[in-house]
Amino acid sequence: WYVINSIEVIADAGAFAIAALGNSITD
């Protein structure tokens, strides 16, 4: 991939995200 970074959507108050920080095993 090149230059693309993230996508976000408008969601209701009960919506959240999980962020996974890692190396090749997460990649």
mmCIF file of all heavy atoms, coordinates in Angstrom:
data_MODEL
# 
_entry.id   MODEL 
# 
loop_
_atom_site.group_PDB 
_atom_site.id 
_atom_site.type_symbol 
_atom_site.label_atom_id 
_atom_site.label_alt_id 
_atom_site.label_comp_id 
_atom_site.label_asym_id 
_atom_site.label_entity_id 
_atom_site.label_seq_id 
_atom_site.pdbx_PDB_ins_code 
_atom_site.Cartn_x 
_atom_site.Cartn_y 
_atom_site.Cartn_z 
_atom_site.occupancy 
_atom_site.B_iso_or_equiv 
_atom_site.pdbx_formal_charge 
_atom_site.auth_seq_id 
_atom_site.auth_comp_id 
_atom_site.auth_asym_id 
_atom_site.auth_atom_id 
_atom_site.pdbx_PDB_model_num 
ATOM 1   N N   . TRP A 1 1  ? 0.842   -1.194  0.000  1.00 0.00 ? 1  TRP A N   1 
ATOM 2   C CA  . TRP A 1 1  ? 0.000   0.000   0.000  1.00 0.00 ? 1  TRP A CA  1 
ATOM 3   C C   . TRP A 1 1  ? 0.875   1.240   0.000  1.00 0.00 ? 1  TRP A C   1 
ATOM 4   O O   . TRP A 1 1  ? 1.976   1.245   0.583  1.00 0.00 ? 1  TRP A O   1 
ATOM 5   C CB  . TRP A 1 1  ? -0.877  0.027   1.248  1.00 0.00 ? 1  TRP A CB  1 
ATOM 6   C CG  . TRP A 1 1  ? -2.016  -0.940  1.270  1.00 0.00 ? 1  TRP A CG  1 
ATOM 7   C CD1 . TRP A 1 1  ? -2.825  -1.296  0.236  1.00 0.00 ? 1  TRP A CD1 1 
ATOM 8   C CD2 . TRP A 1 1  ? -2.495  -1.666  2.418  1.00 0.00 ? 1  TRP A CD2 1 
ATOM 9   N NE1 . TRP A 1 1  ? -3.763  -2.201  0.644  1.00 0.00 ? 1  TRP A NE1 1 
ATOM 10  C CE2 . TRP A 1 1  ? -3.588  -2.447  1.981  1.00 0.00 ? 1  TRP A CE2 1 
ATOM 11  C CE3 . TRP A 1 1  ? -2.109  -1.729  3.751  1.00 0.00 ? 1  TRP A CE3 1 
ATOM 12  C CZ2 . TRP A 1 1  ? -4.295  -3.275  2.843  1.00 0.00 ? 1  TRP A CZ2 1 
ATOM 13  C CZ3 . TRP A 1 1  ? -2.808  -2.559  4.608  1.00 0.00 ? 1  TRP A CZ3 1 
ATOM 14  C CH2 . TRP A 1 1  ? -3.896  -3.328  4.160  1.00 0.00 ? 1  TRP A CH2 1 
ATOM 15  N N   . TYR A 1 2  ? 0.376   2.321   -0.598 1.00 0.00 ? 2  TYR A N   1 
ATOM 16  C CA  . TYR A 1 2  ? 1.091   3.595   -0.628 1.00 0.00 ? 2  TYR A CA  1 
ATOM 17  C C   . TYR A 1 2  ? 0.129   4.733   -0.302 1.00 0.00 ? 2  TYR A C   1 
ATOM 18  O O   . TYR A 1 2  ? -0.984  4.791   -0.831 1.00 0.00 ? 2  TYR A O   1 
ATOM 19  C CB  . TYR A 1 2  ? 1.724   3.834   -1.997 1.00 0.00 ? 2  TYR A CB  1 
ATOM 20  C CG  . TYR A 1 2  ? 2.648   2.708   -2.420 1.00 0.00 ? 2  TYR A CG  1 
ATOM 21  C CD1 . TYR A 1 2  ? 2.233   1.749   -3.335 1.00 0.00 ? 2  TYR A CD1 1 
ATOM 22  C CD2 . TYR A 1 2  ? 3.928   2.588   -1.874 1.00 0.00 ? 2  TYR A CD2 1 
ATOM 23  C CE1 . TYR A 1 2  ? 3.065   0.704   -3.716 1.00 0.00 ? 2  TYR A CE1 1 
ATOM 24  C CE2 . TYR A 1 2  ? 4.768   1.541   -2.250 1.00 0.00 ? 2  TYR A CE2 1 
ATOM 25  C CZ  . TYR A 1 2  ? 4.325   0.602   -3.167 1.00 0.00 ? 2  TYR A CZ  1 
ATOM 26  O OH  . TYR A 1 2  ? 5.149   -0.435  -3.530 1.00 0.00 ? 2  TYR A OH  1 
ATOM 27  N N   . VAL A 1 3  ? 0.535   5.605   0.571  1.00 0.00 ? 3  VAL A N   1 
ATOM 28  C CA  . VAL A 1 3  ? -0.088  6.862   1.025  1.00 0.00 ? 3  VAL A CA  1 
ATOM 29  C C   . VAL A 1 3  ? -1.427  6.698   1.740  1.00 0.00 ? 3  VAL A C   1 
ATOM 30  O O   . VAL A 1 3  ? -1.819  7.582   2.498  1.00 0.00 ? 3  VAL A O   1 
ATOM 31  C CB  . VAL A 1 3  ? -0.226  7.933   -0.098 1.00 0.00 ? 3  VAL A CB  1 
ATOM 32  C CG1 . VAL A 1 3  ? 1.099   8.182   -0.777 1.00 0.00 ? 3  VAL A CG1 1 
ATOM 33  C CG2 . VAL A 1 3  ? -1.313  7.616   -1.107 1.00 0.00 ? 3  VAL A CG2 1 
ATOM 34  N N   . ILE A 1 4  ? -2.168  5.617   1.541  1.00 0.00 ? 4  ILE A N   1 
ATOM 35  C CA  . ILE A 1 4  ? -3.424  5.457   2.277  1.00 0.00 ? 4  ILE A CA  1 
ATOM 36  C C   . ILE A 1 4  ? -3.126  5.169   3.747  1.00 0.00 ? 4  ILE A C   1 
ATOM 37  O O   . ILE A 1 4  ? -2.173  4.483   4.070  1.00 0.00 ? 4  ILE A O   1 
ATOM 38  C CB  . ILE A 1 4  ? -4.321  4.364   1.668  1.00 0.00 ? 4  ILE A CB  1 
ATOM 39  C CG1 . ILE A 1 4  ? -3.601  3.010   1.592  1.00 0.00 ? 4  ILE A CG1 1 
ATOM 40  C CG2 . ILE A 1 4  ? -4.806  4.788   0.275  1.00 0.00 ? 4  ILE A CG2 1 
ATOM 41  C CD1 . ILE A 1 4  ? -4.500  1.860   1.100  1.00 0.00 ? 4  ILE A CD1 1 
ATOM 42  N N   . ASN A 1 5  ? -3.962  5.705   4.629  1.00 0.00 ? 5  ASN A N   1 
ATOM 43  C CA  . ASN A 1 5  ? -3.655  5.631   6.060  1.00 0.00 ? 5  ASN A CA  1 
ATOM 44  C C   . ASN A 1 5  ? -4.825  5.147   6.902  1.00 0.00 ? 5  ASN A C   1 
ATOM 45  O O   . ASN A 1 5  ? -4.677  4.268   7.734  1.00 0.00 ? 5  ASN A O   1 
ATOM 46  C CB  . ASN A 1 5  ? -3.184  6.994   6.552  1.00 0.00 ? 5  ASN A CB  1 
ATOM 47  C CG  . ASN A 1 5  ? -2.585  6.990   7.938  1.00 0.00 ? 5  ASN A CG  1 
ATOM 48  O OD1 . ASN A 1 5  ? -2.169  8.008   8.444  1.00 0.00 ? 5  ASN A OD1 1 
ATOM 49  N ND2 . ASN A 1 5  ? -2.523  5.836   8.593  1.00 0.00 ? 5  ASN A ND2 1 
ATOM 50  N N   . SER A 1 6  ? -6.026  5.713   6.719  1.00 0.00 ? 6  SER A N   1 
ATOM 51  C CA  . SER A 1 6  ? -7.140  5.273   7.557  1.00 0.00 ? 6  SER A CA  1 
ATOM 52  C C   . SER A 1 6  ? -8.473  5.636   6.913  1.00 0.00 ? 6  SER A C   1 
ATOM 53  O O   . SER A 1 6  ? -8.554  6.502   6.038  1.00 0.00 ? 6  SER A O   1 
ATOM 54  C CB  . SER A 1 6  ? -7.063  5.881   8.960  1.00 0.00 ? 6  SER A CB  1 
ATOM 55  O OG  . SER A 1 6  ? -7.227  7.283   8.913  1.00 0.00 ? 6  SER A OG  1 
ATOM 56  N N   . ILE A 1 7  ? -9.512  4.946   7.364  1.00 0.00 ? 7  ILE A N   1 
ATOM 57  C CA  . ILE A 1 7  ? -10.886 5.214   6.952  1.00 0.00 ? 7  ILE A CA  1 
ATOM 58  C C   . ILE A 1 7  ? -11.728 5.309   8.217  1.00 0.00 ? 7  ILE A C   1 
ATOM 59  O O   . ILE A 1 7  ? -11.616 4.470   9.114  1.00 0.00 ? 7  ILE A O   1 
ATOM 60  C CB  . ILE A 1 7  ? -11.441 4.102   6.037  1.00 0.00 ? 7  ILE A CB  1 
ATOM 61  C CG1 . ILE A 1 7  ? -10.565 3.936   4.798  1.00 0.00 ? 7  ILE A CG1 1 
ATOM 62  C CG2 . ILE A 1 7  ? -12.886 4.405   5.637  1.00 0.00 ? 7  ILE A CG2 1 
ATOM 63  C CD1 . ILE A 1 7  ? -10.932 2.720   3.960  1.00 0.00 ? 7  ILE A CD1 1 
ATOM 64  N N   . GLU A 1 8  ? -12.591 6.326   8.273  1.00 0.00 ? 8  GLU A N   1 
ATOM 65  C CA  . GLU A 1 8  ? -13.478 6.512   9.407  1.00 0.00 ? 8  GLU A CA  1 
ATOM 66  C C   . GLU A 1 8  ? -14.902 6.671   8.911  1.00 0.00 ? 8  GLU A C   1 
ATOM 67  O O   . GLU A 1 8  ? -15.142 7.150   7.795  1.00 0.00 ? 8  GLU A O   1 
ATOM 68  C CB  . GLU A 1 8  ? -13.063 7.758   10.204 1.00 0.00 ? 8  GLU A CB  1 
ATOM 69  C CG  . GLU A 1 8  ? -11.645 7.673   10.756 1.00 0.00 ? 8  GLU A CG  1 
ATOM 70  C CD  . GLU A 1 8  ? -11.198 8.968   11.411 1.00 0.00 ? 8  GLU A CD  1 
ATOM 71  O OE1 . GLU A 1 8  ? -11.959 9.970   11.329 1.00 0.00 ? 8  GLU A OE1 1 
ATOM 72  O OE2 . GLU A 1 8  ? -10.104 8.988   11.988 1.00 0.00 ? 8  GLU A OE2 1 
ATOM 73  N N   . VAL A 1 9  ? -15.845 6.245   9.742  1.00 0.00 ? 9  VAL A N   1 
ATOM 74  C CA  . VAL A 1 9  ? -17.262 6.387   9.408  1.00 0.00 ? 9  VAL A CA  1 
ATOM 75  C C   . VAL A 1 9  ? -17.968 7.123   10.538 1.00 0.00 ? 9  VAL A C   1 
ATOM 76  O O   . VAL A 1 9  ? -17.521 7.116   11.693 1.00 0.00 ? 9  VAL A O   1 
ATOM 77  C CB  . VAL A 1 9  ? -17.942 5.017   9.193  1.00 0.00 ? 9  VAL A CB  1 
ATOM 78  C CG1 . VAL A 1 9  ? -17.372 4.336   7.966  1.00 0.00 ? 9  VAL A CG1 1 
ATOM 79  C CG2 . VAL A 1 9  ? -17.813 4.130   10.429 1.00 0.00 ? 9  VAL A CG2 1 
ATOM 80  N N   . ILE A 1 10 ? -19.061 7.785   10.186 1.00 0.00 ? 10 ILE A N   1 
ATOM 81  C CA  . ILE A 1 10 ? -19.924 8.368   11.207 1.00 0.00 ? 10 ILE A CA  1 
ATOM 82  C C   . ILE A 1 10 ? -20.766 7.241   11.816 1.00 0.00 ? 10 ILE A C   1 
ATOM 83  O O   . ILE A 1 10 ? -21.407 6.468   11.097 1.00 0.00 ? 10 ILE A O   1 
ATOM 84  C CB  . ILE A 1 10 ? -20.831 9.450   10.605 1.00 0.00 ? 10 ILE A CB  1 
ATOM 85  C CG1 . ILE A 1 10 ? -20.008 10.695  10.252 1.00 0.00 ? 10 ILE A CG1 1 
ATOM 86  C CG2 . ILE A 1 10 ? -21.939 9.823   11.585 1.00 0.00 ? 10 ILE A CG2 1 
ATOM 87  C CD1 . ILE A 1 10 ? -19.496 11.467  11.465 1.00 0.00 ? 10 ILE A CD1 1 
ATOM 88  N N   . ALA A 1 11 ? -20.719 7.138   13.130 1.00 0.00 ? 11 ALA A N   1 
ATOM 89  C CA  . ALA A 1 11 ? -21.441 6.076   13.833 1.00 0.00 ? 11 ALA A CA  1 
ATOM 90  C C   . ALA A 1 11 ? -22.096 6.648   15.079 1.00 0.00 ? 11 ALA A C   1 
ATOM 91  O O   . ALA A 1 11 ? -21.832 7.795   15.477 1.00 0.00 ? 11 ALA A O   1 
ATOM 92  C CB  . ALA A 1 11 ? -20.486 4.940   14.191 1.00 0.00 ? 11 ALA A CB  1 
ATOM 93  N N   . ASP A 1 12 ? -22.929 5.837   15.715 1.00 0.00 ? 12 ASP A N   1 
ATOM 94  C CA  . ASP A 1 12 ? -23.648 6.335   16.886 1.00 0.00 ? 12 ASP A CA  1 
ATOM 95  C C   . ASP A 1 12 ? -22.767 6.308   18.123 1.00 0.00 ? 12 ASP A C   1 
ATOM 96  O O   . ASP A 1 12 ? -21.614 5.846   18.091 1.00 0.00 ? 12 ASP A O   1 
ATOM 97  C CB  . ASP A 1 12 ? -24.942 5.550   17.106 1.00 0.00 ? 12 ASP A CB  1 
ATOM 98  C CG  . ASP A 1 12 ? -24.710 4.069   17.373 1.00 0.00 ? 12 ASP A CG  1 
ATOM 99  O OD1 . ASP A 1 12 ? -23.673 3.713   17.967 1.00 0.00 ? 12 ASP A OD1 1 
ATOM 100 O OD2 . ASP A 1 12 ? -25.582 3.257   16.990 1.00 0.00 ? 12 ASP A OD2 1 
ATOM 101 N N   . ALA A 1 13 ? -23.310 6.768   19.222 1.00 0.00 ? 13 ALA A N   1 
ATOM 102 C CA  . ALA A 1 13 ? -22.519 6.947   20.439 1.00 0.00 ? 13 ALA A CA  1 
ATOM 103 C C   . ALA A 1 13 ? -21.969 5.649   20.995 1.00 0.00 ? 13 ALA A C   1 
ATOM 104 O O   . ALA A 1 13 ? -20.953 5.648   21.700 1.00 0.00 ? 13 ALA A O   1 
ATOM 105 C CB  . ALA A 1 13 ? -23.365 7.641   21.506 1.00 0.00 ? 13 ALA A CB  1 
ATOM 106 N N   . GLY A 1 14 ? -22.608 4.515   20.674 1.00 0.00 ? 14 GLY A N   1 
ATOM 107 C CA  . GLY A 1 14 ? -22.163 3.237   21.211 1.00 0.00 ? 14 GLY A CA  1 
ATOM 108 C C   . GLY A 1 14 ? -21.093 2.560   20.402 1.00 0.00 ? 14 GLY A C   1 
ATOM 109 O O   . GLY A 1 14 ? -20.653 1.458   20.759 1.00 0.00 ? 14 GLY A O   1 
ATOM 110 N N   . ALA A 1 15 ? -20.642 3.165   19.322 1.00 0.00 ? 15 ALA A N   1 
ATOM 111 C CA  . ALA A 1 15 ? -19.626 2.563   18.463 1.00 0.00 ? 15 ALA A CA  1 
ATOM 112 C C   . ALA A 1 15 ? -18.230 3.003   18.890 1.00 0.00 ? 15 ALA A C   1 
ATOM 113 O O   . ALA A 1 15 ? -18.012 4.169   19.242 1.00 0.00 ? 15 ALA A O   1 
ATOM 114 C CB  . ALA A 1 15 ? -19.868 2.949   17.009 1.00 0.00 ? 15 ALA A CB  1 
ATOM 115 N N   . PHE A 1 16 ? -17.282 2.063   18.850 1.00 0.00 ? 16 PHE A N   1 
ATOM 116 C CA  . PHE A 1 16 ? -15.893 2.343   19.221 1.00 0.00 ? 16 PHE A CA  1 
ATOM 117 C C   . PHE A 1 16 ? -14.969 1.501   18.360 1.00 0.00 ? 16 PHE A C   1 
ATOM 118 O O   . PHE A 1 16 ? -15.425 0.689   17.553 1.00 0.00 ? 16 PHE A O   1 
ATOM 119 C CB  . PHE A 1 16 ? -15.659 2.026   20.704 1.00 0.00 ? 16 PHE A CB  1 
ATOM 120 C CG  . PHE A 1 16 ? -16.418 2.909   21.653 1.00 0.00 ? 16 PHE A CG  1 
ATOM 121 C CD1 . PHE A 1 16 ? -17.630 2.495   22.194 1.00 0.00 ? 16 PHE A CD1 1 
ATOM 122 C CD2 . PHE A 1 16 ? -15.922 4.163   21.984 1.00 0.00 ? 16 PHE A CD2 1 
ATOM 123 C CE1 . PHE A 1 16 ? -18.336 3.315   23.055 1.00 0.00 ? 16 PHE A CE1 1 
ATOM 124 C CE2 . PHE A 1 16 ? -16.622 4.994   22.845 1.00 0.00 ? 16 PHE A CE2 1 
ATOM 125 C CZ  . PHE A 1 16 ? -17.833 4.567   23.386 1.00 0.00 ? 16 PHE A CZ  1 
ATOM 126 N N   . ALA A 1 17 ? -13.670 1.703   18.546 1.00 0.00 ? 17 ALA A N   1 
ATOM 127 C CA  . ALA A 1 17 ? -12.683 0.948   17.783 1.00 0.00 ? 17 ALA A CA  1 
ATOM 128 C C   . ALA A 1 17 ? -11.663 0.311   18.718 1.00 0.00 ? 17 ALA A C   1 
ATOM 129 O O   . ALA A 1 17 ? -11.399 0.804   19.816 1.00 0.00 ? 17 ALA A O   1 
ATOM 130 C CB  . ALA A 1 17 ? -11.969 1.848   16.775 1.00 0.00 ? 17 ALA A CB  1 
ATOM 131 N N   . ILE A 1 18 ? -11.088 -0.797  18.240 1.00 0.00 ? 18 ILE A N   1 
ATOM 132 C CA  . ILE A 1 18 ? -9.956  -1.469  18.871 1.00 0.00 ? 18 ILE A CA  1 
ATOM 133 C C   . ILE A 1 18 ? -8.723  -1.161  18.042 1.00 0.00 ? 18 ILE A C   1 
ATOM 134 O O   . ILE A 1 18 ? -8.735  -1.314  16.818 1.00 0.00 ? 18 ILE A O   1 
ATOM 135 C CB  . ILE A 1 18 ? -10.160 -2.993  18.905 1.00 0.00 ? 18 ILE A CB  1 
ATOM 136 C CG1 . ILE A 1 18 ? -11.435 -3.363  19.670 1.00 0.00 ? 18 ILE A CG1 1 
ATOM 137 C CG2 . ILE A 1 18 ? -8.936  -3.703  19.491 1.00 0.00 ? 18 ILE A CG2 1 
ATOM 138 C CD1 . ILE A 1 18 ? -11.865 -4.808  19.441 1.00 0.00 ? 18 ILE A CD1 1 
ATOM 139 N N   . ALA A 1 19 ? -7.649  -0.736  18.676 1.00 0.00 ? 19 ALA A N   1 
ATOM 140 C CA  . ALA A 1 19 ? -6.380  -0.520  17.986 1.00 0.00 ? 19 ALA A CA  1 
ATOM 141 C C   . ALA A 1 19 ? -5.411  -1.616  18.401 1.00 0.00 ? 19 ALA A C   1 
ATOM 142 O O   . ALA A 1 19 ? -5.227  -1.873  19.595 1.00 0.00 ? 19 ALA A O   1 
ATOM 143 C CB  . ALA A 1 19 ? -5.799  0.853   18.330 1.00 0.00 ? 19 ALA A CB  1 
ATOM 144 N N   . ALA A 1 20 ? -4.808  -2.281  17.420 1.00 0.00 ? 20 ALA A N   1 
ATOM 145 C CA  . ALA A 1 20 ? -3.849  -3.358  17.688 1.00 0.00 ? 20 ALA A CA  1 
ATOM 146 C C   . ALA A 1 20 ? -2.457  -2.890  17.302 1.00 0.00 ? 20 ALA A C   1 
ATOM 147 O O   . ALA A 1 20 ? -2.176  -2.667  16.119 1.00 0.00 ? 20 ALA A O   1 
ATOM 148 C CB  . ALA A 1 20 ? -4.227  -4.611  16.911 1.00 0.00 ? 20 ALA A CB  1 
ATOM 149 N N   . LEU A 1 21 ? -1.590  -2.725  18.295 1.00 0.00 ? 21 LEU A N   1 
ATOM 150 C CA  . LEU A 1 21 ? -0.218  -2.285  18.076 1.00 0.00 ? 21 LEU A CA  1 
ATOM 151 C C   . LEU A 1 21 ? 0.676   -3.517  18.043 1.00 0.00 ? 21 LEU A C   1 
ATOM 152 O O   . LEU A 1 21 ? 0.685   -4.314  18.979 1.00 0.00 ? 21 LEU A O   1 
ATOM 153 C CB  . LEU A 1 21 ? 0.215   -1.354  19.209 1.00 0.00 ? 21 LEU A CB  1 
ATOM 154 C CG  . LEU A 1 21 ? 1.642   -0.818  19.146 1.00 0.00 ? 21 LEU A CG  1 
ATOM 155 C CD1 . LEU A 1 21 ? 1.807   0.154   17.981 1.00 0.00 ? 21 LEU A CD1 1 
ATOM 156 C CD2 . LEU A 1 21 ? 2.011   -0.126  20.466 1.00 0.00 ? 21 LEU A CD2 1 
ATOM 157 N N   . GLY A 1 22 ? 1.455   -3.676  16.973 1.00 0.00 ? 22 GLY A N   1 
ATOM 158 C CA  . GLY A 1 22 ? 2.256   -4.885  16.900 1.00 0.00 ? 22 GLY A CA  1 
ATOM 159 C C   . GLY A 1 22 ? 3.310   -4.869  15.821 1.00 0.00 ? 22 GLY A C   1 
ATOM 160 O O   . GLY A 1 22 ? 3.587   -3.844  15.195 1.00 0.00 ? 22 GLY A O   1 
ATOM 161 N N   . ASN A 1 23 ? 3.897   -6.054  15.612 1.00 0.00 ? 23 ASN A N   1 
ATOM 162 C CA  . ASN A 1 23 ? 4.942   -6.247  14.603 1.00 0.00 ? 23 ASN A CA  1 
ATOM 163 C C   . ASN A 1 23 ? 4.405   -7.145  13.497 1.00 0.00 ? 23 ASN A C   1 
ATOM 164 O O   . ASN A 1 23 ? 3.227   -7.080  13.161 1.00 0.00 ? 23 ASN A O   1 
ATOM 165 C CB  . ASN A 1 23 ? 6.194   -6.819  15.274 1.00 0.00 ? 23 ASN A CB  1 
ATOM 166 C CG  . ASN A 1 23 ? 5.857   -7.961  16.228 1.00 0.00 ? 23 ASN A CG  1 
ATOM 167 O OD1 . ASN A 1 23 ? 5.122   -8.879  15.883 1.00 0.00 ? 23 ASN A OD1 1 
ATOM 168 N ND2 . ASN A 1 23 ? 6.379   -7.907  17.445 1.00 0.00 ? 23 ASN A ND2 1 
ATOM 169 N N   . SER A 1 24 ? 5.254   -8.009  12.926 1.00 0.00 ? 24 SER A N   1 
ATOM 170 C CA  . SER A 1 24 ? 4.824   -8.821  11.786 1.00 0.00 ? 24 SER A CA  1 
ATOM 171 C C   . SER A 1 24 ? 3.718   -9.805  12.137 1.00 0.00 ? 24 SER A C   1 
ATOM 172 O O   . SER A 1 24 ? 2.932   -10.199 11.259 1.00 0.00 ? 24 SER A O   1 
ATOM 173 C CB  . SER A 1 24 ? 6.015   -9.582  11.202 1.00 0.00 ? 24 SER A CB  1 
ATOM 174 O OG  . SER A 1 24 ? 6.625   -10.403 12.191 1.00 0.00 ? 24 SER A OG  1 
ATOM 175 N N   . ILE A 1 25 ? 3.621   -10.205 13.397 1.00 0.00 ? 25 ILE A N   1 
ATOM 176 C CA  . ILE A 1 25 ? 2.578   -11.164 13.786 1.00 0.00 ? 25 ILE A CA  1 
ATOM 177 C C   . ILE A 1 25 ? 1.212   -10.493 13.782 1.00 0.00 ? 25 ILE A C   1 
ATOM 178 O O   . ILE A 1 25 ? 0.191   -11.140 13.531 1.00 0.00 ? 25 ILE A O   1 
ATOM 179 C CB  . ILE A 1 25 ? 2.924   -11.810 15.140 1.00 0.00 ? 25 ILE A CB  1 
ATOM 180 C CG1 . ILE A 1 25 ? 4.178   -12.686 14.980 1.00 0.00 ? 25 ILE A CG1 1 
ATOM 181 C CG2 . ILE A 1 25 ? 1.761   -12.638 15.679 1.00 0.00 ? 25 ILE A CG2 1 
ATOM 182 C CD1 . ILE A 1 25 ? 4.694   -13.289 16.262 1.00 0.00 ? 25 ILE A CD1 1 
ATOM 183 N N   . THR A 1 26 ? 1.165   -9.185  14.020 1.00 0.00 ? 26 THR A N   1 
ATOM 184 C CA  . THR A 1 26 ? -0.080  -8.436  13.863 1.00 0.00 ? 26 THR A CA  1 
ATOM 185 C C   . THR A 1 26 ? -0.261  -8.004  12.415 1.00 0.00 ? 26 THR A C   1 
ATOM 186 O O   . THR A 1 26 ? -1.373  -8.032  11.874 1.00 0.00 ? 26 THR A O   1 
ATOM 187 C CB  . THR A 1 26 ? -0.085  -7.229  14.807 1.00 0.00 ? 26 THR A CB  1 
ATOM 188 O OG1 . THR A 1 26 ? -0.069  -7.704  16.166 1.00 0.00 ? 26 THR A OG1 1 
ATOM 189 C CG2 . THR A 1 26 ? -1.307  -6.354  14.601 1.00 0.00 ? 26 THR A CG2 1 
ATOM 190 N N   . ASP A 1 27 ? 0.849   -7.628  11.766 1.00 0.00 ? 27 ASP A N   1 
ATOM 191 C CA  . ASP A 1 27 ? 0.810   -7.227  10.359 1.00 0.00 ? 27 ASP A CA  1 
ATOM 192 C C   . ASP A 1 27 ? 0.365   -8.377  9.465  1.00 0.00 ? 27 ASP A C   1 
ATOM 193 O O   . ASP A 1 27 ? -0.186  -8.162  8.386  1.00 0.00 ? 27 ASP A O   1 
ATOM 194 C CB  . ASP A 1 27 ? 2.208   -6.745  9.949  1.00 0.00 ? 27 ASP A CB  1 
ATOM 195 C CG  . ASP A 1 27 ? 2.181   -5.769  8.786  1.00 0.00 ? 27 ASP A CG  1 
ATOM 196 O OD1 . ASP A 1 27 ? 1.130   -5.154  8.539  1.00 0.00 ? 27 ASP A OD1 1 
ATOM 197 O OD2 . ASP A 1 27 ? 3.224   -5.630  8.132  1.00 0.00 ? 27 ASP A OD2 1 
# 
